[in-house]
Amino acid sequence: MDRRNALKNSALLMGAGLASTVFSNMLQGCTVDTSEDWTPLFLTKEEGSLVAEMAGHILPATETPGAKEVLVHRFIDHVLAGSYTTEQQNEFKEGLASLDAECKETSGSGFVECNKEERDTFVTAREAVKLNTDQYLWGNLIVSGGESSFYRKLKGLILFGYFTSEEIGKNVLNYNPVPGKFVGCVPLEAV
């Protein structure tokens, strides 16, 4: 065997070894812990149950599974632990605590302990707050909408986790990875 083939073969072996670890880590990163004895990575158990109840109330189960059933709270915990900076994590915890404190002020108990009507009232009041968004023209910021509320940020994470979950993607959104057949060479008159 000459030196060129030896280098090529060793590079292929090294690439295959690296690719297998990268692919296995990618696949593990896409899964959510579905075990009954789930331990949050970032949130406390109480914060995790608060996020779960908020998610379940914002996107309840109907004919389709709700956000709580597709374990959006576990996805959010995973995102917080792996993608947020320490400052963003602290802001999230403070926002979650203040949201629960607001619920205690208005209804007398935390969101987890509230009944459906109290939760409806609390969430409806948060939804009634006007959403100010940034306005752009040709990529240039014209009007700054300001900082959005923590509730809106949490709702955005809930929606993101819900619509990117495997269950919803496969069974509700009817994901079709290859939409139609590919025909490479077609005469112009035919199309």
Protein backbone atom coordinates (compact mmCIF):
# COMPACT_ATOMS: atom_id res chain seq x y z
CA MET A 1 0.00 0.00 0.00
CA ASP A 2 1.39 3.39 -0.87
CA ARG A 3 1.45 6.39 1.42
CA ARG A 4 -1.38 8.17 -0.41
CA ASN A 5 -3.85 5.32 0.07
CA ALA A 6 -2.80 4.91 3.70
CA LEU A 7 -3.49 8.60 4.40
CA LYS A 8 -6.80 8.44 2.54
CA ASN A 9 -7.95 5.35 4.46
CA SER A 10 -6.92 6.77 7.82
CA ALA A 11 -8.73 10.02 7.06
CA LEU A 12 -11.87 8.07 6.12
CA LEU A 13 -11.71 6.05 9.33
CA MET A 14 -11.21 9.16 11.42
CA GLY A 15 -14.08 10.94 9.61
CA ALA A 16 -16.39 7.98 10.13
CA GLY A 17 -15.53 7.90 13.83
CA LEU A 18 -16.18 11.61 14.24
CA ALA A 19 -19.37 11.51 12.17
CA SER A 20 -20.84 8.72 14.27
CA THR A 21 -20.38 10.67 17.52
CA VAL A 22 -21.71 13.87 15.95
CA PHE A 23 -24.80 12.12 14.56
CA SER A 24 -25.53 10.31 17.81
CA ASN A 25 -25.25 13.59 19.75
CA MET A 26 -27.53 15.31 17.24
CA LEU A 27 -30.15 12.59 17.61
CA GLN A 28 -29.93 12.69 21.40
CA GLY A 29 -30.32 16.49 21.31
CA CYS A 30 -33.62 16.13 19.47
CA THR A 31 -35.27 13.91 22.05
CA VAL A 32 -37.20 14.93 25.14
CA ASP A 33 -37.08 12.87 28.31
CA THR A 34 -40.46 11.11 28.46
CA SER A 35 -39.87 9.15 31.65
CA GLU A 36 -42.28 9.48 34.56
CA ASP A 37 -39.53 10.50 37.01
CA TRP A 38 -38.38 13.47 34.95
CA THR A 39 -35.81 15.72 36.58
CA PRO A 40 -35.55 19.22 35.11
CA LEU A 41 -32.15 20.34 33.84
CA PHE A 42 -32.58 24.02 34.71
CA LEU A 43 -35.97 24.66 36.28
CA THR A 44 -37.02 23.45 39.69
CA LYS A 45 -39.85 20.88 39.90
CA GLU A 46 -42.28 23.65 40.95
CA GLU A 47 -41.22 25.92 38.07
CA GLY A 48 -41.48 22.97 35.68
CA SER A 49 -45.03 22.24 36.81
CA LEU A 50 -45.92 25.94 36.50
CA VAL A 51 -44.63 26.01 32.90
CA ALA A 52 -46.48 22.74 32.22
CA GLU A 53 -49.78 24.14 33.53
CA MET A 54 -49.34 27.42 31.63
CA ALA A 55 -48.58 25.47 28.44
CA GLY A 56 -51.53 23.17 28.99
CA HIS A 57 -53.84 26.13 29.48
CA ILE A 58 -52.57 28.15 26.50
CA LEU A 59 -52.73 25.12 24.17
CA PRO A 60 -55.21 22.67 25.74
CA ALA A 61 -55.94 19.21 24.43
CA THR A 62 -58.87 19.00 22.02
CA GLU A 63 -59.06 16.53 19.13
CA THR A 64 -55.30 17.05 19.03
CA PRO A 65 -52.91 16.66 21.95
CA GLY A 66 -52.27 19.74 24.05
CA ALA A 67 -48.94 21.34 24.90
CA LYS A 68 -48.77 19.52 28.21
CA GLU A 69 -49.35 16.15 26.53
CA VAL A 70 -46.49 16.66 24.05
CA LEU A 71 -44.22 17.67 26.98
CA VAL A 72 -43.54 21.24 25.89
CA HIS A 73 -42.44 22.14 29.43
CA ARG A 74 -39.61 19.62 29.17
CA PHE A 75 -38.59 21.06 25.81
CA ILE A 76 -38.53 24.56 27.31
CA ASP A 77 -36.41 23.33 30.22
CA HIS A 78 -33.99 21.73 27.74
CA VAL A 79 -33.77 24.95 25.69
CA LEU A 80 -33.24 27.06 28.80
CA ALA A 81 -30.45 24.80 30.04
CA GLY A 82 -28.66 24.47 26.72
CA SER A 83 -29.23 27.65 24.74
CA TYR A 84 -29.85 30.54 27.12
CA THR A 85 -27.09 32.60 28.66
CA THR A 86 -26.90 32.92 32.44
CA GLU A 87 -28.43 36.40 32.20
CA GLN A 88 -31.32 35.13 30.06
CA GLN A 89 -31.86 32.20 32.42
CA ASN A 90 -32.05 34.57 35.39
CA GLU A 91 -34.50 36.81 33.51
CA PHE A 92 -36.66 33.77 32.74
CA LYS A 93 -36.74 32.65 36.37
CA GLU A 94 -37.55 36.19 37.55
CA GLY A 95 -40.27 36.54 34.92
CA LEU A 96 -41.80 33.20 35.85
CA ALA A 97 -41.79 34.12 39.55
CA SER A 98 -43.36 37.53 38.87
CA LEU A 99 -46.01 35.96 36.64
CA ASP A 100 -46.97 33.55 39.42
CA ALA A 101 -46.91 36.39 41.95
CA GLU A 102 -49.31 38.41 39.75
CA CYS A 103 -51.61 35.41 39.67
CA LYS A 104 -51.49 35.17 43.48
CA GLU A 105 -52.38 38.88 43.74
CA THR A 106 -55.37 38.64 41.42
CA SER A 107 -56.81 35.26 42.38
CA GLY A 108 -55.36 34.54 45.81
CA SER A 109 -53.38 31.47 44.75
CA GLY A 110 -50.62 30.51 42.33
CA PHE A 111 -51.40 29.51 38.75
CA VAL A 112 -50.97 25.79 39.47
CA GLU A 113 -53.53 25.92 42.29
CA CYS A 114 -56.10 28.03 40.37
CA ASN A 115 -59.23 26.53 38.89
CA LYS A 116 -60.05 26.80 35.18
CA GLU A 117 -62.09 30.02 35.48
CA GLU A 118 -59.34 31.79 37.45
CA ARG A 119 -56.76 30.65 34.91
CA ASP A 120 -58.97 31.86 32.05
CA THR A 121 -59.30 35.28 33.67
CA PHE A 122 -55.56 35.54 34.28
CA VAL A 123 -54.54 34.47 30.76
CA THR A 124 -57.24 36.60 29.12
CA ALA A 125 -55.93 39.68 30.94
CA ARG A 126 -52.40 38.95 29.65
CA GLU A 127 -53.71 38.43 26.11
CA ALA A 128 -55.57 41.75 26.24
CA VAL A 129 -52.31 43.68 26.60
CA LYS A 130 -51.51 45.13 23.20
CA LEU A 131 -48.56 43.48 21.50
CA ASN A 132 -46.13 46.11 20.29
CA THR A 133 -43.80 44.79 17.64
CA ASP A 134 -40.91 46.38 15.81
CA GLN A 135 -41.83 47.73 12.39
CA TYR A 136 -39.40 47.46 9.52
CA LEU A 137 -39.27 48.91 6.03
CA TRP A 138 -36.85 47.24 3.62
CA GLY A 139 -34.88 45.81 6.51
CA ASN A 140 -34.56 49.11 8.40
CA LEU A 141 -36.14 49.58 11.81
CA ILE A 142 -38.72 52.35 11.61
CA VAL A 143 -40.63 51.99 14.89
CA SER A 144 -39.37 50.15 17.92
CA GLY A 145 -42.11 48.20 19.65
CA GLY A 146 -40.24 48.08 22.94
CA GLU A 147 -39.71 45.14 25.22
CA SER A 148 -42.42 42.47 25.09
CA SER A 149 -43.86 41.09 28.31
CA PHE A 150 -42.60 37.89 29.88
CA TYR A 151 -45.96 36.27 29.19
CA ARG A 152 -45.50 36.86 25.45
CA LYS A 153 -41.98 35.41 25.58
CA LEU A 154 -43.22 32.35 27.45
CA LYS A 155 -46.10 31.91 25.02
CA GLY A 156 -43.66 32.14 22.12
CA LEU A 157 -41.55 29.37 23.64
CA ILE A 158 -44.66 27.26 24.22
CA LEU A 159 -45.81 27.68 20.62
CA PHE A 160 -42.30 26.97 19.31
CA GLY A 161 -42.03 23.79 21.38
CA TYR A 162 -45.52 22.65 20.42
CA PHE A 163 -45.27 23.09 16.68
CA THR A 164 -41.77 21.63 16.48
CA SER A 165 -42.63 18.52 18.51
CA GLU A 166 -42.52 15.19 16.70
CA GLU A 167 -46.09 14.26 17.62
CA ILE A 168 -47.56 17.46 16.21
CA GLY A 169 -45.28 17.52 13.17
CA LYS A 170 -46.13 13.96 12.13
CA ASN A 171 -49.78 13.60 13.12
CA VAL A 172 -51.29 17.09 13.12
CA LEU A 173 -49.37 19.22 10.65
CA ASN A 174 -49.18 16.34 8.16
CA TYR A 175 -45.50 16.76 7.43
CA ASN A 176 -44.55 15.54 3.96
CA PRO A 177 -40.77 15.50 3.58
CA VAL A 178 -40.91 15.11 -0.23
CA PRO A 179 -43.88 17.03 -1.65
CA GLY A 180 -44.37 15.44 -5.06
CA LYS A 181 -42.03 13.73 -7.45
CA PHE A 182 -39.03 15.32 -9.08
CA VAL A 183 -38.91 15.38 -12.87
CA GLY A 184 -35.52 16.67 -13.96
CA CYS A 185 -35.72 17.07 -17.72
CA VAL A 186 -39.06 18.32 -18.99
CA PRO A 187 -39.52 19.94 -22.39
CA LEU A 188 -40.52 23.57 -22.07
CA GLU A 189 -43.71 22.99 -24.07
CA ALA A 190 -44.88 20.38 -21.56
CA VAL A 191 -44.91 22.85 -18.69
